[in-house]
Amino acid sequence: MPKKEKSGLVVSTKNDKTIVVEVAEYKAHPIYKKIISTTKKYKAHNTEFDCKLGDEVRIIECRPISKTKLWQLAEITKKAT
């Protein structure tokens, strides 16, 4: 089974070796067909401390590193200015 991938914005880097990534997902309402956006925050493992607030990153699923940290930083797709 392939690992899941998500992309989003870094909203927090305050924790040690952890970043919080906010992922926005869009889907159509089943009856009204209006596009609805939902956001969810994921904690991801970051050992190199190279992410900053506002960076656009890609995270992949990994083994559980802690109780809430189930994702790992794959790459930084766009740096914040």
C-alpha atoms as a PDB file:
ATOM      1  CA  MET A   1       0.000   0.000   0.000  1.00  0.00           C
ATOM      2  CA  PRO A   2       1.514   3.381  -0.970  1.00  0.00           C
ATOM      3  CA  LYS A   3       2.138   6.032   1.641  1.00  0.00           C
ATOM      4  CA  LYS A   4      -0.306   8.931   1.766  1.00  0.00           C
ATOM      5  CA  GLU A   5       0.927  12.392   0.821  1.00  0.00           C
ATOM      6  CA  LYS A   6      -0.490  15.795   1.720  1.00  0.00           C
ATOM      7  CA  SER A   7       0.643  19.341   1.102  1.00  0.00           C
ATOM      8  CA  GLY A   8      -0.057  22.436   3.157  1.00  0.00           C
ATOM      9  CA  LEU A   9       1.300  25.465   4.988  1.00  0.00           C
ATOM     10  CA  VAL A  10       3.470  25.457   8.113  1.00  0.00           C
ATOM     11  CA  VAL A  11       1.578  27.239  10.892  1.00  0.00           C
ATOM     12  CA  SER A  12       3.844  26.447  13.872  1.00  0.00           C
ATOM     13  CA  THR A  13       7.483  25.533  14.480  1.00  0.00           C
ATOM     14  CA  LYS A  14       7.552  26.035  18.255  1.00  0.00           C
ATOM     15  CA  ASN A  15       7.913  22.366  19.208  1.00  0.00           C
ATOM     16  CA  ASP A  16      11.289  20.607  19.116  1.00  0.00           C
ATOM     17  CA  LYS A  17      11.711  18.557  15.883  1.00  0.00           C
ATOM     18  CA  THR A  18       8.010  19.057  15.073  1.00  0.00           C
ATOM     19  CA  ILE A  19       6.117  21.275  12.670  1.00  0.00           C
ATOM     20  CA  VAL A  20       2.362  21.796  12.462  1.00  0.00           C
ATOM     21  CA  VAL A  21       1.042  21.763   8.904  1.00  0.00           C
ATOM     22  CA  GLU A  22      -2.421  23.033   7.969  1.00  0.00           C
ATOM     23  CA  VAL A  23      -3.915  21.132   5.031  1.00  0.00           C
ATOM     24  CA  ALA A  24      -6.943  22.456   3.135  1.00  0.00           C
ATOM     25  CA  GLU A  25      -9.180  19.949   1.355  1.00  0.00           C
ATOM     26  CA  TYR A  26     -11.980  20.838  -1.023  1.00  0.00           C
ATOM     27  CA  LYS A  27     -15.034  18.736  -1.831  1.00  0.00           C
ATOM     28  CA  ALA A  28     -18.482  19.284  -3.277  1.00  0.00           C
ATOM     29  CA  HIS A  29     -21.578  19.201  -1.092  1.00  0.00           C
ATOM     30  CA  PRO A  30     -23.544  16.023  -1.916  1.00  0.00           C
ATOM     31  CA  ILE A  31     -26.867  17.799  -2.544  1.00  0.00           C
ATOM     32  CA  TYR A  32     -26.091  21.445  -3.341  1.00  0.00           C
ATOM     33  CA  LYS A  33     -22.793  20.835  -5.210  1.00  0.00           C
ATOM     34  CA  LYS A  34     -21.193  23.882  -3.605  1.00  0.00           C
ATOM     35  CA  ILE A  35     -17.447  23.520  -3.052  1.00  0.00           C
ATOM     36  CA  ILE A  36     -16.689  23.417   0.677  1.00  0.00           C
ATOM     37  CA  SER A  37     -13.186  23.787   2.100  1.00  0.00           C
ATOM     38  CA  THR A  38     -12.142  22.053   5.288  1.00  0.00           C
ATOM     39  CA  THR A  39      -8.832  22.510   7.059  1.00  0.00           C
ATOM     40  CA  LYS A  40      -7.044  20.083   9.311  1.00  0.00           C
ATOM     41  CA  LYS A  41      -3.758  20.359  11.194  1.00  0.00           C
ATOM     42  CA  TYR A  42      -1.154  17.592  11.139  1.00  0.00           C
ATOM     43  CA  LYS A  43       1.982  17.314  13.256  1.00  0.00           C
ATOM     44  CA  ALA A  44       5.004  16.261  11.208  1.00  0.00           C
ATOM     45  CA  HIS A  45       8.532  15.198  12.142  1.00  0.00           C
ATOM     46  CA  ASN A  46      11.252  17.670  11.131  1.00  0.00           C
ATOM     47  CA  THR A  47      14.795  16.822  12.258  1.00  0.00           C
ATOM     48  CA  GLU A  48      16.760  19.381  10.239  1.00  0.00           C
ATOM     49  CA  PHE A  49      14.995  22.546  11.529  1.00  0.00           C
ATOM     50  CA  ASP A  50      14.879  24.037   8.015  1.00  0.00           C
ATOM     51  CA  CYS A  51      11.163  24.929   7.935  1.00  0.00           C
ATOM     52  CA  LYS A  52       9.876  28.369   8.773  1.00  0.00           C
ATOM     53  CA  LEU A  53       6.414  29.812   9.315  1.00  0.00           C
ATOM     54  CA  GLY A  54       4.488  30.150   6.053  1.00  0.00           C
ATOM     55  CA  ASP A  55       6.490  27.592   4.057  1.00  0.00           C
ATOM     56  CA  GLU A  56       4.545  25.334   1.716  1.00  0.00           C
ATOM     57  CA  VAL A  57       5.551  21.722   2.412  1.00  0.00           C
ATOM     58  CA  ARG A  58       4.742  18.162   1.409  1.00  0.00           C
ATOM     59  CA  ILE A  59       4.363  15.554   4.158  1.00  0.00           C
ATOM     60  CA  ILE A  60       4.164  11.764   3.919  1.00  0.00           C
ATOM     61  CA  GLU A  61       2.721   9.157   6.234  1.00  0.00           C
ATOM     62  CA  CYS A  62       5.188   7.246   8.445  1.00  0.00           C
ATOM     63  CA  ARG A  63       5.278   5.033  11.504  1.00  0.00           C
ATOM     64  CA  PRO A  64       4.000   6.567  14.767  1.00  0.00           C
ATOM     65  CA  ILE A  65       6.791   8.709  16.214  1.00  0.00           C
ATOM     66  CA  SER A  66       4.709   9.889  19.181  1.00  0.00           C
ATOM     67  CA  LYS A  67       1.061   9.889  20.230  1.00  0.00           C
ATOM     68  CA  THR A  68       0.028  12.570  17.735  1.00  0.00           C
ATOM     69  CA  LYS A  69       2.948  12.627  15.272  1.00  0.00           C
ATOM     70  CA  LEU A  70       2.230  10.225  12.385  1.00  0.00           C
ATOM     71  CA  TRP A  71       3.651  12.266   9.481  1.00  0.00           C
ATOM     72  CA  GLN A  72       7.124  13.171   8.270  1.00  0.00           C
ATOM     73  CA  LEU A  73       8.404  16.126   6.253  1.00  0.00           C
ATOM     74  CA  ALA A  74       9.167  15.071   2.672  1.00  0.00           C
ATOM     75  CA  GLU A  75      10.186  18.355   1.075  1.00  0.00           C
ATOM     76  CA  ILE A  76       9.725  22.107   1.139  1.00  0.00           C
ATOM     77  CA  THR A  77       7.946  23.025  -2.080  1.00  0.00           C
ATOM     78  CA  LYS A  78       7.912  26.807  -1.597  1.00  0.00           C
ATOM     79  CA  LYS A  79       9.836  28.972   0.852  1.00  0.00           C
ATOM     80  CA  ALA A  80       8.138  31.856   2.659  1.00  0.00           C
ATOM     81  CA  THR A  81       9.497  35.284   1.829  1.00  0.00           C
END
